[in-house]
């Protein structure tokens, strides 16, 4: 069942957590083999795939996107900041913007700050008929443990090419 209402961030993050746990498909195999099953790609794999014709869809907020992104990225935010509350809310036009900008047969790497929002966006795109998507684990910033040690590299922690506004 699909709904058109806006979700508050706690509900969306719960969904992201569930999607993130299920997004690796059946395990094993390469990123390309897993793409039909809501697959994932490391930043290293994503960089190689981008050189082979994939596009990078950055689903972070416009402010995050402007601060730095993989070179050549397209920005369609899955969440927007509500000016009244300051909280992130689901972008109600996300899927419409995606279907306008990206053909369903296009191969897409999705990314955000750490990979959580992009996993959520990937699930939404899958439900709309996109079957050639990979979520970049570690996202742009990578993932650090409680002590600040990087446990999953991200695009920027690997010093890959970036653009800024």
N, C-alpha and C. Protein backbone atom coordinates (compact mmCIF):
# COMPACT_ATOMS: atom_id res chain seq x y z
N UNK A 1 0.84 -1.18 0.00
CA UNK A 1 0.00 0.00 0.00
C UNK A 1 0.89 1.24 0.00
N UNK A 2 0.59 2.17 -0.86
CA UNK A 2 1.36 3.41 -0.94
C UNK A 2 0.56 4.55 -0.35
N UNK A 3 1.24 5.44 0.34
CA UNK A 3 0.58 6.62 0.87
C UNK A 3 1.27 7.85 0.35
N UNK A 4 0.59 8.96 0.32
CA UNK A 4 1.13 10.20 -0.19
C UNK A 4 1.43 11.21 0.92
N UNK A 5 1.27 10.85 2.17
CA UNK A 5 1.50 11.81 3.25
C UNK A 5 2.98 11.93 3.56
N UNK A 6 3.33 13.00 4.22
CA UNK A 6 4.71 13.22 4.62
C UNK A 6 5.01 12.41 5.88
N UNK A 7 6.18 11.82 5.90
CA UNK A 7 6.60 11.08 7.08
C UNK A 7 7.56 11.93 7.87
N UNK A 8 7.49 11.86 9.14
CA UNK A 8 8.45 12.53 10.00
C UNK A 8 9.74 11.72 10.02
N UNK A 9 10.84 12.35 10.33
CA UNK A 9 12.14 11.71 10.29
C UNK A 9 12.21 10.42 11.10
N UNK A 10 11.67 10.34 12.33
CA UNK A 10 11.79 9.09 13.08
C UNK A 10 11.15 7.91 12.35
N UNK A 11 10.01 8.13 11.72
CA UNK A 11 9.36 7.06 10.98
C UNK A 11 10.20 6.69 9.77
N UNK A 12 10.69 7.70 9.05
CA UNK A 12 11.51 7.45 7.87
C UNK A 12 12.79 6.72 8.24
N UNK A 13 13.42 7.09 9.36
CA UNK A 13 14.65 6.43 9.76
C UNK A 13 14.40 4.98 10.16
N UNK A 14 13.25 4.71 10.75
CA UNK A 14 12.89 3.33 11.05
C UNK A 14 12.80 2.53 9.77
N UNK A 15 12.15 3.10 8.75
CA UNK A 15 12.05 2.44 7.46
C UNK A 15 13.43 2.25 6.85
N UNK A 16 14.28 3.25 6.95
CA UNK A 16 15.63 3.16 6.40
C UNK A 16 16.39 2.04 7.07
N UNK A 17 16.25 1.91 8.37
CA UNK A 17 16.95 0.86 9.09
C UNK A 17 16.50 -0.50 8.59
N UNK A 18 15.20 -0.68 8.41
CA UNK A 18 14.69 -1.94 7.90
C UNK A 18 15.16 -2.19 6.48
N UNK A 19 15.11 -1.18 5.64
CA UNK A 19 15.56 -1.32 4.26
C UNK A 19 17.05 -1.58 4.23
N UNK A 20 17.82 -0.85 5.04
CA UNK A 20 19.27 -1.02 5.07
C UNK A 20 19.66 -2.44 5.44
N UNK A 21 18.93 -3.07 6.34
CA UNK A 21 19.24 -4.43 6.74
C UNK A 21 18.94 -5.42 5.63
N UNK A 22 17.96 -5.10 4.78
CA UNK A 22 17.55 -6.03 3.73
C UNK A 22 18.13 -5.70 2.38
N UNK A 23 18.96 -4.69 2.28
CA UNK A 23 19.35 -4.21 0.97
C UNK A 23 20.50 -4.96 0.32
N UNK A 24 21.08 -5.92 0.97
CA UNK A 24 22.24 -6.58 0.39
C UNK A 24 21.87 -7.75 -0.50
N UNK A 25 20.60 -8.01 -0.69
CA UNK A 25 20.21 -9.11 -1.56
C UNK A 25 20.56 -10.44 -0.91
N UNK A 26 21.01 -11.40 -1.75
CA UNK A 26 21.29 -12.74 -1.26
C UNK A 26 22.72 -12.90 -0.80
N UNK A 27 23.47 -11.82 -0.82
CA UNK A 27 24.85 -11.89 -0.37
C UNK A 27 25.75 -12.41 -1.47
N UNK A 28 27.04 -12.22 -1.28
CA UNK A 28 28.00 -12.66 -2.28
C UNK A 28 27.81 -11.92 -3.58
N UNK A 29 28.55 -12.32 -4.58
CA UNK A 29 28.39 -11.72 -5.89
C UNK A 29 28.91 -10.30 -5.94
N UNK A 30 29.05 -9.81 -7.15
CA UNK A 30 29.54 -8.45 -7.32
C UNK A 30 28.40 -7.46 -7.19
N UNK A 31 28.76 -6.18 -7.14
CA UNK A 31 27.76 -5.12 -7.06
C UNK A 31 26.81 -5.20 -8.24
N UNK A 32 27.32 -5.44 -9.43
CA UNK A 32 26.46 -5.49 -10.61
C UNK A 32 25.52 -6.69 -10.55
N UNK A 33 25.99 -7.84 -10.07
CA UNK A 33 25.14 -9.01 -9.94
C UNK A 33 24.00 -8.75 -8.96
N UNK A 34 24.24 -7.94 -7.93
CA UNK A 34 23.24 -7.70 -6.90
C UNK A 34 22.29 -6.54 -7.20
N UNK A 35 22.52 -5.78 -8.27
CA UNK A 35 21.74 -4.56 -8.48
C UNK A 35 20.26 -4.84 -8.65
N UNK A 36 19.86 -5.98 -9.17
CA UNK A 36 18.45 -6.29 -9.33
C UNK A 36 17.79 -6.61 -7.99
N UNK A 37 18.58 -6.81 -6.96
CA UNK A 37 18.09 -7.18 -5.64
C UNK A 37 18.36 -6.08 -4.61
N UNK A 38 18.25 -4.83 -5.00
CA UNK A 38 18.58 -3.72 -4.11
C UNK A 38 20.00 -3.88 -3.59
N UNK A 39 20.92 -4.01 -4.49
CA UNK A 39 22.31 -4.25 -4.15
C UNK A 39 23.03 -3.02 -3.64
N UNK A 40 24.26 -3.26 -3.22
CA UNK A 40 25.12 -2.22 -2.69
C UNK A 40 26.43 -2.22 -3.45
N UNK A 41 27.13 -1.11 -3.36
CA UNK A 41 28.47 -0.99 -3.93
C UNK A 41 29.32 -0.22 -2.93
N UNK A 42 30.56 -0.61 -2.81
CA UNK A 42 31.50 0.17 -2.01
C UNK A 42 31.85 1.44 -2.79
N UNK A 43 32.42 2.43 -2.14
CA UNK A 43 32.86 3.60 -2.90
C UNK A 43 33.88 3.23 -3.99
N UNK A 44 34.71 2.26 -3.72
CA UNK A 44 35.69 1.83 -4.71
C UNK A 44 34.99 1.24 -5.94
N UNK A 45 33.98 0.39 -5.72
CA UNK A 45 33.21 -0.18 -6.83
C UNK A 45 32.43 0.92 -7.55
N UNK A 46 31.85 1.84 -6.78
CA UNK A 46 31.06 2.92 -7.38
C UNK A 46 31.92 3.77 -8.30
N UNK A 47 33.12 4.07 -7.89
CA UNK A 47 34.01 4.88 -8.73
C UNK A 47 34.27 4.19 -10.07
N UNK A 48 34.51 2.90 -10.03
CA UNK A 48 34.73 2.13 -11.26
C UNK A 48 33.47 2.11 -12.12
N UNK A 49 32.32 1.89 -11.50
CA UNK A 49 31.06 1.81 -12.24
C UNK A 49 30.68 3.16 -12.86
N UNK A 50 30.97 4.25 -12.17
CA UNK A 50 30.70 5.58 -12.73
C UNK A 50 31.50 5.79 -14.01
N UNK A 51 32.71 5.27 -14.05
CA UNK A 51 33.53 5.37 -15.26
C UNK A 51 32.97 4.50 -16.39
N UNK A 52 32.13 3.53 -16.03
CA UNK A 52 31.52 2.62 -17.02
C UNK A 52 30.10 2.99 -17.39
N UNK A 53 29.65 4.23 -17.07
CA UNK A 53 28.36 4.68 -17.54
C UNK A 53 27.24 4.81 -16.52
N UNK A 54 27.48 4.43 -15.28
CA UNK A 54 26.48 4.66 -14.25
C UNK A 54 26.43 6.16 -13.96
N UNK A 55 25.32 6.62 -13.41
CA UNK A 55 25.25 7.99 -12.91
C UNK A 55 25.18 7.94 -11.39
N UNK A 56 25.57 9.05 -10.76
CA UNK A 56 25.53 9.13 -9.30
C UNK A 56 24.38 10.05 -8.91
N UNK A 57 23.39 9.48 -8.21
CA UNK A 57 22.26 10.24 -7.70
C UNK A 57 22.49 10.52 -6.22
N UNK A 58 22.74 11.77 -5.90
CA UNK A 58 22.97 12.20 -4.52
C UNK A 58 21.62 12.62 -3.95
N UNK A 59 21.17 11.93 -2.91
CA UNK A 59 19.84 12.18 -2.36
C UNK A 59 19.88 13.05 -1.09
N UNK A 60 21.04 13.67 -0.82
CA UNK A 60 21.16 14.55 0.35
C UNK A 60 20.44 15.87 0.09
N UNK A 61 20.34 16.67 1.14
CA UNK A 61 19.70 17.98 1.01
C UNK A 61 20.54 18.88 0.09
N UNK A 62 19.92 19.91 -0.49
CA UNK A 62 20.70 20.81 -1.35
C UNK A 62 21.90 21.43 -0.62
N UNK A 63 21.75 21.73 0.66
CA UNK A 63 22.85 22.32 1.43
C UNK A 63 24.02 21.34 1.54
N UNK A 64 23.74 20.09 1.82
CA UNK A 64 24.79 19.08 1.89
C UNK A 64 25.46 18.90 0.52
N UNK A 65 24.65 18.87 -0.52
CA UNK A 65 25.13 18.69 -1.89
C UNK A 65 26.09 19.82 -2.28
N UNK A 66 25.72 21.05 -1.94
CA UNK A 66 26.56 22.20 -2.28
C UNK A 66 27.90 22.18 -1.55
N UNK A 67 27.92 21.60 -0.35
CA UNK A 67 29.15 21.57 0.45
C UNK A 67 30.19 20.61 -0.11
N UNK A 68 29.77 19.65 -0.93
CA UNK A 68 30.71 18.71 -1.53
C UNK A 68 29.99 17.46 -1.98
N UNK A 69 30.42 16.94 -3.14
CA UNK A 69 29.76 15.78 -3.74
C UNK A 69 30.71 15.13 -4.75
N UNK A 70 30.45 13.87 -5.07
CA UNK A 70 31.24 13.25 -6.15
C UNK A 70 31.05 14.04 -7.45
N UNK A 71 32.13 14.21 -8.19
CA UNK A 71 32.07 14.97 -9.44
C UNK A 71 31.02 14.38 -10.39
N UNK A 72 30.21 15.27 -10.98
CA UNK A 72 29.20 14.87 -11.95
C UNK A 72 27.89 14.37 -11.35
N UNK A 73 27.70 14.51 -10.06
CA UNK A 73 26.49 14.02 -9.38
C UNK A 73 25.24 14.79 -9.79
N UNK A 74 24.11 14.09 -9.71
CA UNK A 74 22.79 14.69 -9.86
C UNK A 74 22.18 14.74 -8.46
N UNK A 75 21.57 15.86 -8.09
CA UNK A 75 20.97 15.99 -6.75
C UNK A 75 19.46 16.01 -6.82
N UNK A 76 18.83 14.99 -6.23
CA UNK A 76 17.39 14.96 -6.01
C UNK A 76 17.22 14.52 -4.56
N UNK A 77 16.94 15.47 -3.66
CA UNK A 77 16.86 15.12 -2.23
C UNK A 77 15.65 14.24 -1.91
N UNK A 78 15.90 13.17 -1.15
CA UNK A 78 14.80 12.32 -0.71
C UNK A 78 14.15 12.92 0.55
N UNK A 79 14.91 13.70 1.30
CA UNK A 79 14.41 14.38 2.49
C UNK A 79 14.70 15.86 2.35
N UNK A 80 13.81 16.68 2.88
CA UNK A 80 14.00 18.13 2.90
C UNK A 80 13.84 18.62 4.32
N UNK A 81 14.46 19.73 4.65
CA UNK A 81 14.33 20.29 5.99
C UNK A 81 13.11 21.18 6.03
N UNK A 82 12.20 20.88 6.95
CA UNK A 82 11.00 21.70 7.15
C UNK A 82 11.43 23.00 7.82
N UNK A 83 11.20 24.16 7.17
CA UNK A 83 11.63 25.43 7.76
C UNK A 83 10.99 25.72 9.12
N UNK A 84 9.77 25.26 9.32
CA UNK A 84 9.08 25.54 10.58
C UNK A 84 9.64 24.72 11.74
N UNK A 85 9.90 23.45 11.51
CA UNK A 85 10.34 22.58 12.61
C UNK A 85 11.85 22.34 12.61
N UNK A 86 12.49 22.53 11.47
CA UNK A 86 13.92 22.22 11.36
C UNK A 86 14.20 20.74 11.22
N UNK A 87 13.15 19.92 11.14
CA UNK A 87 13.30 18.48 11.02
C UNK A 87 13.29 18.06 9.56
N UNK A 88 13.95 16.94 9.28
CA UNK A 88 13.91 16.40 7.93
C UNK A 88 12.59 15.67 7.71
N UNK A 89 12.01 15.92 6.53
CA UNK A 89 10.77 15.26 6.13
C UNK A 89 10.94 14.69 4.74
N UNK A 90 10.17 13.67 4.45
CA UNK A 90 10.19 13.07 3.12
C UNK A 90 9.85 14.12 2.07
N UNK A 91 10.63 14.17 1.01
CA UNK A 91 10.36 15.06 -0.12
C UNK A 91 9.20 14.46 -0.91
N UNK A 92 8.02 15.10 -0.90
CA UNK A 92 6.86 14.50 -1.57
C UNK A 92 7.01 14.45 -3.09
N UNK A 93 7.97 15.18 -3.65
CA UNK A 93 8.17 15.19 -5.10
C UNK A 93 9.39 14.37 -5.53
N UNK A 94 9.96 13.62 -4.60
CA UNK A 94 11.17 12.87 -4.92
C UNK A 94 10.98 11.95 -6.13
N UNK A 95 9.99 11.07 -6.07
CA UNK A 95 9.81 10.11 -7.15
C UNK A 95 9.42 10.77 -8.47
N UNK A 96 8.62 11.81 -8.41
CA UNK A 96 8.28 12.53 -9.64
C UNK A 96 9.53 13.14 -10.26
N UNK A 97 10.40 13.72 -9.44
CA UNK A 97 11.64 14.31 -9.95
C UNK A 97 12.55 13.24 -10.53
N UNK A 98 12.62 12.09 -9.88
CA UNK A 98 13.46 10.99 -10.37
C UNK A 98 12.95 10.51 -11.73
N UNK A 99 11.65 10.26 -11.84
CA UNK A 99 11.12 9.73 -13.09
C UNK A 99 11.23 10.74 -14.23
N UNK A 100 11.23 12.02 -13.92
CA UNK A 100 11.43 13.05 -14.94
C UNK A 100 12.89 13.11 -15.39
N UNK A 101 13.82 12.95 -14.47
CA UNK A 101 15.24 13.15 -14.77
C UNK A 101 16.00 11.89 -15.18
N UNK A 102 15.52 10.72 -14.74
CA UNK A 102 16.32 9.50 -14.93
C UNK A 102 15.46 8.39 -15.56
N UNK A 103 15.84 7.91 -16.73
CA UNK A 103 15.11 6.79 -17.33
C UNK A 103 15.24 5.53 -16.47
N UNK A 104 14.22 4.69 -16.48
CA UNK A 104 14.23 3.47 -15.65
C UNK A 104 15.33 2.50 -16.03
N UNK A 105 15.77 2.52 -17.27
CA UNK A 105 16.83 1.59 -17.67
C UNK A 105 18.24 2.10 -17.34
N UNK A 106 18.35 3.36 -16.88
CA UNK A 106 19.66 3.93 -16.51
C UNK A 106 20.22 3.20 -15.30
N UNK A 107 21.49 2.94 -15.31
CA UNK A 107 22.17 2.34 -14.15
C UNK A 107 22.57 3.47 -13.21
N UNK A 108 22.18 3.32 -11.93
CA UNK A 108 22.30 4.42 -10.97
C UNK A 108 22.99 3.96 -9.69
N UNK A 109 23.96 4.77 -9.24
CA UNK A 109 24.55 4.62 -7.91
C UNK A 109 23.87 5.68 -7.05
N UNK A 110 23.25 5.29 -5.94
CA UNK A 110 22.64 6.25 -5.02
C UNK A 110 23.55 6.47 -3.83
N UNK A 111 23.63 7.72 -3.39
CA UNK A 111 24.45 8.02 -2.24
C UNK A 111 23.88 9.15 -1.41
N UNK A 112 24.26 9.16 -0.15
CA UNK A 112 23.90 10.25 0.78
C UNK A 112 25.13 10.45 1.67
N UNK A 113 24.93 10.87 2.90
CA UNK A 113 26.07 11.10 3.79
C UNK A 113 26.73 9.78 4.20
N UNK A 114 25.91 8.81 4.65
CA UNK A 114 26.48 7.53 5.12
C UNK A 114 25.87 6.30 4.44
N UNK A 115 24.82 6.47 3.67
CA UNK A 115 24.20 5.34 2.98
C UNK A 115 22.81 4.98 3.47
N UNK A 116 22.33 5.64 4.52
CA UNK A 116 21.01 5.31 5.07
C UNK A 116 19.86 5.90 4.24
N UNK A 117 19.92 7.20 3.98
CA UNK A 117 18.86 7.83 3.18
C UNK A 117 18.84 7.27 1.77
N UNK A 118 20.03 6.99 1.23
CA UNK A 118 20.07 6.45 -0.13
C UNK A 118 19.49 5.04 -0.19
N UNK A 119 19.61 4.25 0.88
CA UNK A 119 18.96 2.93 0.92
C UNK A 119 17.44 3.09 0.89
N UNK A 120 16.95 4.08 1.62
CA UNK A 120 15.52 4.37 1.63
C UNK A 120 15.06 4.81 0.23
N UNK A 121 15.82 5.71 -0.40
CA UNK A 121 15.49 6.19 -1.74
C UNK A 121 15.54 5.05 -2.75
N UNK A 122 16.51 4.16 -2.59
CA UNK A 122 16.63 3.02 -3.49
C UNK A 122 15.37 2.15 -3.43
N UNK A 123 14.89 1.89 -2.23
CA UNK A 123 13.67 1.09 -2.07
C UNK A 123 12.48 1.79 -2.75
N UNK A 124 12.37 3.10 -2.59
CA UNK A 124 11.29 3.85 -3.23
C UNK A 124 11.39 3.74 -4.75
N UNK A 125 12.60 3.88 -5.27
CA UNK A 125 12.80 3.79 -6.72
C UNK A 125 12.50 2.38 -7.22
N UNK A 126 12.86 1.37 -6.46
CA UNK A 126 12.57 -0.01 -6.84
C UNK A 126 11.06 -0.22 -6.98
N UNK A 127 10.33 0.32 -6.02
CA UNK A 127 8.86 0.19 -6.06
C UNK A 127 8.25 0.94 -7.25
N UNK A 128 8.98 1.89 -7.80
CA UNK A 128 8.53 2.65 -8.97
C UNK A 128 9.02 1.99 -10.27
N UNK A 129 9.76 0.90 -10.18
CA UNK A 129 10.17 0.18 -11.38
C UNK A 129 11.64 0.30 -11.76
N UNK A 130 12.45 0.95 -10.94
CA UNK A 130 13.89 1.06 -11.21
C UNK A 130 14.57 -0.22 -10.72
N UNK A 131 15.21 -0.94 -11.62
CA UNK A 131 15.82 -2.22 -11.28
C UNK A 131 17.33 -2.22 -11.39
N UNK A 132 17.92 -1.12 -11.80
CA UNK A 132 19.37 -1.06 -12.00
C UNK A 132 19.99 -0.01 -11.07
N UNK A 133 19.83 -0.22 -9.76
CA UNK A 133 20.34 0.73 -8.78
C UNK A 133 21.24 0.02 -7.78
N UNK A 134 22.22 0.76 -7.30
CA UNK A 134 23.10 0.28 -6.25
C UNK A 134 23.24 1.38 -5.20
N UNK A 135 23.11 1.02 -3.94
CA UNK A 135 23.31 1.96 -2.85
C UNK A 135 24.78 1.95 -2.47
N UNK A 136 25.41 3.13 -2.43
CA UNK A 136 26.82 3.20 -2.06
C UNK A 136 26.95 3.18 -0.53
N UNK A 137 27.42 2.06 -0.02
CA UNK A 137 27.59 1.94 1.42
C UNK A 137 28.72 2.85 1.88
N UNK A 138 28.51 3.49 3.00
CA UNK A 138 29.48 4.47 3.49
C UNK A 138 29.21 5.86 2.97
N UNK A 139 28.44 5.97 1.89
CA UNK A 139 28.03 7.26 1.36
C UNK A 139 29.18 8.21 1.08
N UNK A 140 28.91 9.47 1.24
CA UNK A 140 29.89 10.51 0.97
C UNK A 140 30.90 10.64 2.11
N UNK A 141 30.40 10.58 3.34
CA UNK A 141 31.25 10.89 4.50
C UNK A 141 31.87 9.67 5.17
N UNK A 142 31.40 8.47 4.86
CA UNK A 142 31.87 7.29 5.55
C UNK A 142 31.14 7.11 6.87
N UNK A 143 31.44 6.02 7.54
CA UNK A 143 30.79 5.71 8.82
C UNK A 143 31.88 5.53 9.86
N UNK A 144 31.71 6.20 10.99
CA UNK A 144 32.67 6.11 12.09
C UNK A 144 32.02 5.43 13.29
N UNK A 145 32.83 4.76 14.09
CA UNK A 145 32.31 4.16 15.32
C UNK A 145 32.25 5.22 16.41
N UNK A 146 31.84 4.82 17.61
CA UNK A 146 31.68 5.78 18.72
C UNK A 146 32.99 6.47 19.08
N UNK A 147 34.11 5.83 18.80
CA UNK A 147 35.41 6.42 19.09
C UNK A 147 35.93 7.31 17.97
N UNK A 148 35.16 7.43 16.89
CA UNK A 148 35.57 8.28 15.79
C UNK A 148 36.41 7.58 14.73
N UNK A 149 36.66 6.28 14.90
CA UNK A 149 37.42 5.53 13.89
C UNK A 149 36.52 5.22 12.70
N UNK A 150 37.03 5.40 11.50
CA UNK A 150 36.26 5.10 10.29
C UNK A 150 36.14 3.58 10.17
N UNK A 151 34.90 3.10 10.13
CA UNK A 151 34.65 1.66 10.00
C UNK A 151 34.17 1.32 8.59
N UNK A 152 33.71 2.31 7.86
CA UNK A 152 33.34 2.13 6.45
C UNK A 152 33.73 3.40 5.72
N UNK A 153 34.66 3.27 4.79
CA UNK A 153 35.11 4.44 4.03
C UNK A 153 33.95 5.01 3.22
N UNK A 154 34.00 6.31 3.01
CA UNK A 154 33.06 7.01 2.14
C UNK A 154 33.83 7.67 1.01
N UNK A 155 33.09 8.25 0.07
CA UNK A 155 33.72 8.89 -1.09
C UNK A 155 34.78 9.91 -0.66
N UNK A 156 34.41 10.80 0.27
CA UNK A 156 35.33 11.87 0.66
C UNK A 156 36.48 11.37 1.52
N UNK A 157 36.26 10.33 2.33
CA UNK A 157 37.36 9.82 3.17
C UNK A 157 38.41 9.09 2.34
N UNK A 158 38.03 8.71 1.12
CA UNK A 158 38.98 8.08 0.20
C UNK A 158 39.67 9.11 -0.70
N UNK A 159 39.32 10.38 -0.48
CA UNK A 159 39.88 11.48 -1.27
C UNK A 159 39.62 11.34 -2.76
N UNK A 160 38.44 10.82 -3.12
CA UNK A 160 38.04 10.75 -4.52
C UNK A 160 37.63 12.15 -4.99
N UNK A 161 37.61 12.37 -6.31
CA UNK A 161 37.30 13.71 -6.85
C UNK A 161 35.93 14.22 -6.39
N UNK A 162 35.90 15.48 -5.94
CA UNK A 162 34.65 16.10 -5.51
C UNK A 162 34.47 17.46 -6.18
N UNK A 163 33.24 17.92 -6.17
CA UNK A 163 32.89 19.26 -6.61
C UNK A 163 32.22 19.98 -5.45
N UNK A 164 32.39 21.30 -5.40
CA UNK A 164 31.72 22.13 -4.40
C UNK A 164 31.18 23.37 -5.08
N UNK A 165 30.13 23.93 -4.50
CA UNK A 165 29.61 25.20 -5.00
C UNK A 165 30.21 26.35 -4.23
